[in-house]
Protein backbone atom coordinates (compact mmCIF):
# COMPACT_ATOMS: atom_id res chain seq x y z
CA MET A 1 -7.24 16.11 5.49
CA ASN A 2 -5.96 13.97 2.64
CA GLU A 3 -2.33 12.88 2.75
CA THR A 4 -0.23 10.76 0.41
CA THR A 5 2.50 8.31 1.31
CA GLN A 6 4.71 5.99 -0.72
CA LEU A 7 6.22 2.64 0.09
CA ARG A 8 8.39 0.22 -1.82
CA VAL A 9 7.52 -3.48 -1.85
CA LEU A 10 10.59 -5.64 -2.34
CA ASP A 11 9.22 -9.01 -3.31
CA PHE A 12 6.60 -8.66 -6.02
CA ASP A 13 6.88 -11.69 -8.32
CA CYS A 14 4.06 -10.90 -10.72
CA PRO A 15 1.27 -8.42 -11.50
CA THR A 16 -1.11 -10.53 -9.41
CA CYS A 17 1.04 -9.77 -6.35
CA ALA A 18 0.57 -6.07 -7.00
CA SER A 19 -3.19 -6.54 -7.37
CA THR A 20 -3.35 -8.43 -4.08
CA VAL A 21 -1.64 -5.59 -2.22
CA GLU A 22 -3.74 -2.94 -3.97
CA ARG A 23 -6.97 -4.72 -3.05
CA ALA A 24 -5.90 -5.19 0.60
CA LEU A 25 -4.88 -1.54 1.01
CA SER A 26 -8.09 -0.33 -0.65
CA ASN A 27 -10.04 -2.03 2.14
CA VAL A 28 -8.34 -0.01 4.91
CA ASP A 29 -10.69 2.57 6.45
CA GLY A 30 -9.77 6.07 5.32
CA VAL A 31 -7.86 5.03 2.20
CA ARG A 32 -9.06 7.12 -0.74
CA ASP A 33 -6.86 5.77 -3.55
CA VAL A 34 -4.10 3.21 -4.07
CA GLU A 35 -1.74 2.96 -7.01
CA VAL A 36 0.62 0.01 -7.19
CA HIS A 37 3.39 0.08 -9.79
CA TYR A 38 4.48 -3.52 -10.27
CA ALA A 39 7.58 -2.75 -12.36
CA THR A 40 9.09 -0.39 -9.77
CA GLY A 41 7.62 -1.99 -6.65
CA ARG A 42 6.21 1.36 -5.56
CA VAL A 43 2.91 1.81 -3.79
CA GLU A 44 1.29 5.23 -3.48
CA ILE A 45 -1.54 5.59 -0.99
CA GLU A 46 -3.85 8.59 -0.65
CA TYR A 47 -5.69 8.59 2.66
CA ASP A 48 -7.65 10.66 5.14
CA ASP A 49 -5.23 11.21 8.02
CA SER A 50 -8.08 11.70 10.49
CA VAL A 51 -9.22 8.12 9.83
CA ALA A 52 -6.28 6.02 8.58
CA ASP A 53 -3.01 5.34 10.38
CA PRO A 54 -0.08 5.10 7.93
CA ASP A 55 1.57 2.49 10.16
CA ALA A 56 -1.34 0.20 9.30
CA PHE A 57 -0.32 0.22 5.62
CA THR A 58 2.92 -1.57 6.41
CA GLN A 59 1.06 -4.14 8.49
CA VAL A 60 -1.47 -4.75 5.73
CA ILE A 61 1.29 -5.32 3.16
CA GLU A 62 3.10 -7.68 5.54
CA SER A 63 -0.14 -9.57 6.20
CA GLN A 64 -0.29 -10.31 2.47
CA GLY A 65 3.21 -11.86 2.63
CA TYR A 66 5.28 -9.00 1.23
CA THR A 67 8.05 -6.80 2.61
CA PRO A 68 7.40 -3.03 2.57
CA GLN A 69 10.05 -0.36 2.98
CA PRO A 70 9.88 3.42 3.17
CA VAL A 71 10.78 5.22 -0.04
């Protein structure tokens, strides 16, 4: 079943930062769609909950050097 979650990323410095996070999250198994809003620091992730673990999204963002928070 598809689910959607949102996170806030605190330390985007530029649109390239947002693209980096979007690309990394898009590569997670089970992720259907990712929208990153640079201006607000919000990330919306649509995923298949039978495949993807939402806890992994935080780890992926951290692995790119950014700090995620729940919305």
